[in-house]
Amino acid sequence: MIKKISIAALLLTGSLMAAGEVNIYSTRHYDADKNLYKMFTEKTGIAVNVVKAKPKALIKRLETEGANTKADLFITADAGNLVNAQKKGLLQPVKSKKIEEAIPETLRQKDGYWVALTQRARIIAYNKEKVKPEDLSTYEDLTDKKWKGRITIRKSSNIYNQSLLASFIATKGPEKAKMWAKGIVDNMSRKPRGNDRDQMKAVAAGVGDIAVVNTYYVGKLLNSKKPYEVEVGKLMGVFFPKDTHVNISGVAMTKNAKNKDNAVKLMEYLVSPDAQKVFASANYEYPANPKVEASDLLKSWGTFEPMVVSLEAYGEKNEEAVKIMNEVEWK
């Protein structure tokens, strides 16, 4: 049986063939991204193909494939992963006036190797029934004995924690960074396990009173389809420490990109106000484009002053951060 194909479908197929494609290796797994790629295709006729995996797997794949890779863009959470890919020679710089006008210098690699798409703050989520916001102050305060047995946090293998410690190494020096890491280990309520949402679920279950998490995970809980997760989200207060640690999700062009022009067009689209609004509203992330406001939910948590540190330090100090975590037995 021959299936009927509409003229509109034929026209769209022809348009895609004419416009070409762009291939992405992405660690992100959100509906917001999928919708943005669809909108980009409808706008430009350029087909978007996505391969998803964890950062280490995609970086290893780019290394293995070399010049034979189909990937044009690498999209990942955490500046540490972007710097790692850059150091391995897997990326190439992009020069775009649209990108430079949309994203501040502090959220771009200085030579154009990568650019932020979204921002996440790593904050203290607290049980509103057990902790008052006035009890909280700085990241350093978390090492005080008053928090002994009260802190939940992810494993040392988690890149978010590695980058947090790397930022302390860059701004406070390795000795103070090590003291902080040791203090956190001493005050943990349990052996680290699970993702950021699991840390808050543990707090809700009485295993600790505060959790160190990324802001967008609080948004995920509050907007979950699971009633229990919504209740956990409602129980959590959001506290921004002084000099709040901010990380990003970002995009970079691969060294061996075959569809450079289309890749640049997609990068420019993703930093545009229209796309940034989708990131902010649908995925509870702070926009990287300062012309776009945060969502109402994020605004309800209040404002914060970000830590003054180069995002590149997250990657440059990563090995030292991992070494310190091993020395203080952060599992």
Protein backbone atom coordinates (compact mmCIF):
# COMPACT_ATOMS: atom_id res chain seq x y z
CA MET A 1 0.00 0.00 0.00
CA ILE A 2 1.36 3.40 -1.00
CA LYS A 3 1.03 6.09 1.67
CA LYS A 4 -0.17 9.49 0.51
CA ILE A 5 2.25 12.34 1.12
CA SER A 6 0.89 15.88 1.29
CA ILE A 7 2.26 18.65 -0.88
CA ALA A 8 3.15 20.52 2.33
CA ALA A 9 5.22 17.56 3.50
CA LEU A 10 6.98 17.38 0.16
CA LEU A 11 7.73 21.08 0.27
CA LEU A 12 9.09 20.77 3.81
CA THR A 13 11.25 17.80 2.80
CA GLY A 14 12.59 19.74 -0.14
CA SER A 15 13.27 22.73 2.07
CA LEU A 16 15.23 20.60 4.55
CA MET A 17 17.27 19.05 1.76
CA ALA A 18 18.07 22.49 0.42
CA ALA A 19 18.87 24.01 3.81
CA GLY A 20 20.91 21.08 5.06
CA GLU A 21 21.41 19.98 8.65
CA VAL A 22 23.30 20.54 11.89
CA ASN A 23 24.39 17.70 14.16
CA ILE A 24 24.63 18.06 17.93
CA TYR A 25 26.30 16.02 20.64
CA SER A 26 24.40 17.06 23.76
CA THR A 27 24.40 16.12 27.44
CA ARG A 28 21.13 18.00 27.95
CA HIS A 29 17.90 15.98 28.04
CA TYR A 30 15.14 18.54 28.33
CA ASP A 31 11.90 19.07 26.41
CA ALA A 32 12.76 22.77 26.19
CA ASP A 33 15.78 21.95 24.02
CA LYS A 34 13.75 19.64 21.79
CA ASN A 35 11.15 22.35 21.27
CA LEU A 36 13.81 24.94 20.46
CA TYR A 37 15.36 22.71 17.80
CA LYS A 38 11.92 22.20 16.28
CA MET A 39 11.31 25.96 16.25
CA PHE A 40 14.72 26.52 14.64
CA THR A 41 13.93 24.02 11.88
CA GLU A 42 10.56 25.63 11.22
CA LYS A 43 12.26 29.03 11.04
CA THR A 44 15.24 28.09 8.86
CA GLY A 45 14.49 24.75 7.19
CA ILE A 46 17.70 23.35 8.72
CA ALA A 47 17.27 19.86 10.18
CA VAL A 48 18.66 19.32 13.69
CA ASN A 49 19.99 15.89 14.66
CA VAL A 50 20.89 15.16 18.28
CA VAL A 51 22.99 12.47 19.94
CA LYS A 52 22.62 12.43 23.74
CA ALA A 53 24.98 10.99 26.32
CA LYS A 54 26.94 11.97 29.43
CA PRO A 55 29.80 14.50 29.08
CA LYS A 56 32.70 12.06 29.42
CA ALA A 57 31.15 9.70 26.87
CA LEU A 58 30.61 12.45 24.29
CA ILE A 59 34.08 13.91 24.78
CA LYS A 60 35.58 10.43 24.38
CA ARG A 61 33.49 9.91 21.25
CA LEU A 62 34.74 13.17 19.74
CA GLU A 63 38.31 12.09 20.48
CA THR A 64 37.79 8.67 18.92
CA GLU A 65 35.96 9.90 15.82
CA GLY A 66 38.41 12.69 15.09
CA ALA A 67 37.98 14.12 11.60
CA ASN A 68 35.26 11.54 10.87
CA THR A 69 32.84 12.90 13.45
CA LYS A 70 29.41 14.06 12.33
CA ALA A 71 29.09 16.40 15.31
CA ASP A 72 28.98 20.11 14.51
CA LEU A 73 28.12 21.35 18.00
CA PHE A 74 28.86 20.16 21.54
CA ILE A 75 26.28 21.24 24.12
CA THR A 76 26.80 20.48 27.78
CA ALA A 77 26.17 21.60 31.34
CA ASP A 78 29.07 23.03 33.35
CA ALA A 79 31.92 25.20 32.11
CA GLY A 80 34.33 22.55 33.39
CA ASN A 81 33.18 20.16 30.67
CA LEU A 82 33.54 22.83 27.98
CA VAL A 83 37.06 23.71 29.14
CA ASN A 84 37.96 20.01 29.20
CA ALA A 85 36.84 19.58 25.58
CA GLN A 86 38.73 22.74 24.63
CA LYS A 87 41.95 21.56 26.31
CA LYS A 88 41.73 18.29 24.38
CA GLY A 89 41.66 20.21 21.08
CA LEU A 90 38.11 19.15 20.22
CA LEU A 91 36.67 22.62 19.65
CA GLN A 92 37.19 25.57 17.33
CA PRO A 93 36.53 29.28 17.93
CA VAL A 94 33.48 31.01 16.50
CA LYS A 95 33.38 34.67 15.59
CA SER A 96 29.85 36.05 15.56
CA LYS A 97 28.71 39.61 16.14
CA LYS A 98 25.22 38.37 17.07
CA ILE A 99 26.61 36.13 19.80
CA GLU A 100 28.94 38.82 21.13
CA GLU A 101 26.07 41.32 21.29
CA ALA A 102 23.75 38.84 23.01
CA ILE A 103 26.03 37.30 25.65
CA PRO A 104 28.31 39.24 28.07
CA GLU A 105 32.07 38.66 27.97
CA THR A 106 31.94 37.00 31.39
CA LEU A 107 29.77 34.23 29.91
CA ARG A 108 31.90 33.62 26.81
CA GLN A 109 35.31 32.05 26.33
CA LYS A 110 37.57 34.99 25.45
CA ASP A 111 38.69 33.49 22.11
CA GLY A 112 35.23 32.28 21.10
CA TYR A 113 35.63 28.56 21.88
CA TRP A 114 32.34 28.35 23.76
CA VAL A 115 29.45 30.49 24.92
CA ALA A 116 26.85 30.18 27.68
CA LEU A 117 23.25 29.36 26.85
CA THR A 118 21.89 29.34 30.40
CA GLN A 119 23.01 29.96 33.97
CA ARG A 120 22.44 27.99 37.18
CA ALA A 121 23.27 29.14 40.69
CA ARG A 122 24.55 26.55 43.19
CA ILE A 123 22.63 27.43 46.31
CA ILE A 124 21.63 26.18 49.73
CA ALA A 125 18.18 24.57 49.77
CA TYR A 126 16.89 24.34 53.34
CA ASN A 127 14.03 22.66 55.16
CA LYS A 128 11.76 25.60 55.97
CA GLU A 129 10.40 23.75 59.01
CA LYS A 130 13.84 23.31 60.59
CA VAL A 131 16.06 26.11 59.31
CA LYS A 132 15.55 29.86 59.16
CA PRO A 133 17.16 31.90 56.36
CA GLU A 134 18.88 34.06 58.99
CA ASP A 135 20.71 30.91 60.13
CA LEU A 136 22.51 30.83 56.76
CA SER A 137 25.21 33.11 55.38
CA THR A 138 28.16 31.90 53.30
CA TYR A 139 29.50 28.68 51.81
CA GLU A 140 32.27 28.88 54.41
CA ASP A 141 29.70 28.88 57.20
CA LEU A 142 28.63 25.40 56.14
CA THR A 143 31.81 24.05 57.73
CA ASP A 144 30.74 25.32 61.17
CA LYS A 145 30.07 22.60 63.76
CA LYS A 146 26.45 23.73 64.04
CA TRP A 147 25.84 22.00 60.69
CA LYS A 148 27.40 18.67 61.72
CA GLY A 149 25.26 15.82 60.41
CA ARG A 150 22.92 18.25 58.67
CA ILE A 151 24.30 18.67 55.09
CA THR A 152 23.39 16.57 52.05
CA ILE A 153 25.43 16.94 48.88
CA ARG A 154 26.38 14.92 45.82
CA LYS A 155 29.48 12.78 45.28
CA SER A 156 32.92 14.21 44.58
CA SER A 157 32.66 12.73 41.07
CA ASN A 158 29.90 15.23 40.28
CA ILE A 159 31.19 18.00 38.00
CA TYR A 160 28.99 20.62 39.73
CA ASN A 161 30.78 20.04 43.04
CA GLN A 162 34.16 19.87 41.34
CA SER A 163 33.53 23.26 39.72
CA LEU A 164 32.30 24.73 42.99
CA LEU A 165 35.52 23.69 44.71
CA ALA A 166 37.57 24.84 41.69
CA SER A 167 36.03 28.30 42.04
CA PHE A 168 37.16 28.38 45.69
CA ILE A 169 40.68 27.35 44.67
CA ALA A 170 40.74 30.20 42.16
CA THR A 171 39.38 32.85 44.53
CA LYS A 172 40.58 31.77 47.99
CA GLY A 173 43.60 29.58 47.31
CA PRO A 174 44.07 25.80 47.63
CA GLU A 175 44.60 25.74 51.42
CA LYS A 176 41.30 27.43 52.24
CA ALA A 177 39.56 25.39 49.55
CA LYS A 178 40.83 22.20 51.18
CA MET A 179 39.69 23.36 54.62
CA TRP A 180 36.23 24.00 53.18
CA ALA A 181 36.04 20.59 51.52
CA LYS A 182 37.14 18.87 54.75
CA GLY A 183 34.54 20.82 56.70
CA ILE A 184 31.79 19.76 54.31
CA VAL A 185 32.81 16.10 54.63
CA ASP A 186 32.77 16.40 58.43
CA ASN A 187 29.25 17.85 58.37
CA MET A 188 27.62 15.47 55.89
CA SER A 189 24.45 13.78 57.07
CA ARG A 190 25.14 10.67 54.99
CA LYS A 191 27.48 9.19 52.42
CA PRO A 192 26.90 11.13 49.16
CA ARG A 193 24.63 9.53 46.59
CA GLY A 194 22.02 10.53 44.03
CA ASN A 195 21.42 13.73 42.07
CA ASP A 196 20.48 17.19 43.33
CA ARG A 197 16.80 16.28 43.61
CA ASP A 198 17.74 13.28 45.72
CA GLN A 199 19.59 15.57 48.15
CA MET A 200 16.42 17.59 48.72
CA LYS A 201 14.32 14.44 49.02
CA ALA A 202 16.72 13.27 51.73
CA VAL A 203 16.26 16.56 53.57
CA ALA A 204 12.48 16.18 53.31
CA ALA A 205 12.83 12.67 54.77
CA GLY A 206 14.77 14.03 57.75
CA VAL A 207 18.23 12.95 56.57
CA GLY A 208 19.82 16.36 57.04
CA ASP A 209 18.41 19.86 57.08
CA ILE A 210 20.11 21.58 54.12
CA ALA A 211 21.27 20.57 50.65
CA VAL A 212 23.74 22.13 48.22
CA VAL A 213 22.01 22.08 44.82
CA ASN A 214 21.58 23.91 41.53
CA THR A 215 18.58 26.24 41.39
CA TYR A 216 16.90 24.64 38.40
CA TYR A 217 16.45 21.36 40.31
CA VAL A 218 14.21 23.18 42.78
CA GLY A 219 12.15 24.33 39.81
CA LYS A 220 12.02 20.76 38.52
CA LEU A 221 10.61 19.54 41.84
CA LEU A 222 8.01 22.29 42.07
CA ASN A 223 6.80 21.55 38.54
CA SER A 224 7.03 17.77 38.70
CA LYS A 225 4.16 15.52 37.64
CA LYS A 226 4.76 13.52 40.83
CA PRO A 227 2.84 14.96 43.83
CA TYR A 228 5.52 13.83 46.30
CA GLU A 229 8.22 15.76 44.43
CA VAL A 230 6.05 18.88 44.39
CA GLU A 231 5.66 18.61 48.17
CA VAL A 232 9.44 18.28 48.55
CA GLY A 233 9.89 21.40 46.42
CA LYS A 234 7.41 23.35 48.55
CA LEU A 235 9.29 22.37 51.71
CA MET A 236 12.56 23.78 50.35
CA GLY A 237 13.64 27.36 50.91
CA VAL A 238 16.19 28.85 48.49
CA PHE A 239 19.14 30.71 49.96
CA PHE A 240 21.81 32.48 47.90
CA PRO A 241 25.13 32.60 49.78
CA LYS A 242 27.27 35.70 49.57
CA ASP A 243 29.25 35.57 46.28
CA THR A 244 26.98 32.90 44.83
CA HIS A 245 28.65 30.28 42.64
CA VAL A 246 27.19 30.42 39.12
CA ASN A 247 27.72 27.84 36.42
CA ILE A 248 26.40 27.47 32.89
CA SER A 249 25.15 25.24 30.16
CA GLY A 250 26.98 26.15 26.99
CA VAL A 251 27.56 25.42 23.33
CA ALA A 252 30.74 25.06 21.27
CA MET A 253 31.54 24.24 17.67
CA THR A 254 33.51 21.03 17.24
CA LYS A 255 36.94 21.15 15.62
CA ASN A 256 35.82 18.97 12.71
CA ALA A 257 32.35 20.45 12.12
CA LYS A 258 31.10 19.77 8.58
CA ASN A 259 28.13 22.18 8.68
CA LYS A 260 29.77 25.31 10.05
CA ASP A 261 27.37 27.89 8.65
CA ASN A 262 24.31 26.03 9.91
CA ALA A 263 25.99 25.48 13.27
CA VAL A 264 26.63 29.21 13.68
CA LYS A 265 23.03 29.96 12.76
CA LEU A 266 21.81 27.59 15.48
CA MET A 267 24.21 29.08 18.04
CA GLU A 268 22.97 32.56 17.19
CA TYR A 269 19.37 31.41 17.46
CA LEU A 270 19.90 29.80 20.88
CA VAL A 271 21.24 33.06 22.37
CA SER A 272 18.46 35.16 20.82
CA PRO A 273 15.74 36.61 23.09
CA ASP A 274 13.07 34.23 21.72
CA ALA A 275 15.11 31.12 22.54
CA GLN A 276 16.38 32.47 25.84
CA LYS A 277 12.79 33.02 27.00
CA VAL A 278 12.11 29.32 26.41
CA PHE A 279 15.15 28.28 28.45
CA ALA A 280 14.08 30.60 31.26
CA SER A 281 10.39 29.69 31.41
CA ALA A 282 10.34 26.02 30.44
CA ASN A 283 13.49 24.77 32.15
CA TYR A 284 13.82 27.07 35.20
CA GLU A 285 17.29 28.28 34.20
CA TYR A 286 18.59 31.84 34.30
CA PRO A 287 18.99 33.26 30.79
CA ALA A 288 22.51 34.04 29.60
CA ASN A 289 21.22 36.94 27.53
CA PRO A 290 20.81 39.90 29.95
CA LYS A 291 18.04 41.37 27.81
CA VAL A 292 15.80 38.46 28.83
CA GLU A 293 14.24 38.36 32.29
CA ALA A 294 14.24 35.33 34.53
CA SER A 295 10.95 33.48 34.98
CA ASP A 296 8.51 34.49 37.71
CA LEU A 297 9.50 31.43 39.75
CA LEU A 298 13.18 32.36 39.71
CA LYS A 299 12.32 35.98 40.52
CA SER A 300 10.35 34.78 43.55
CA TRP A 301 13.56 33.38 45.04
CA GLY A 302 15.15 36.82 45.11
CA THR A 303 18.35 38.24 43.68
CA PHE A 304 21.99 37.39 44.26
CA GLU A 305 25.50 38.66 43.64
CA PRO A 306 27.52 36.14 41.60
CA MET A 307 31.04 35.17 42.61
CA VAL A 308 33.64 37.14 40.63
CA VAL A 309 35.66 34.38 38.96
CA SER A 310 36.45 33.32 35.40
CA LEU A 311 34.38 30.37 34.20
CA GLU A 312 37.55 28.99 32.64
CA ALA A 313 38.91 28.46 36.17
CA TYR A 314 36.34 25.69 36.63
CA GLY A 315 38.20 23.61 34.07
CA GLU A 316 41.71 24.87 34.77
CA LYS A 317 41.42 24.03 38.50
CA ASN A 318 39.45 20.81 38.03
CA GLU A 319 42.33 18.37 38.55
CA GLU A 320 43.38 20.19 41.70
CA ALA A 321 39.79 20.12 42.97
CA VAL A 322 39.52 16.37 42.40
CA LYS A 323 42.85 15.83 44.16
CA ILE A 324 41.67 17.80 47.20
CA MET A 325 38.38 15.87 47.31
CA ASN A 326 40.32 12.61 47.34
CA GLU A 327 42.61 13.87 50.10
CA VAL A 328 39.70 14.81 52.38
CA GLU A 329 37.92 11.56 51.51
CA TRP A 330 34.90 13.18 49.87
CA LYS A 331 33.42 9.99 48.43
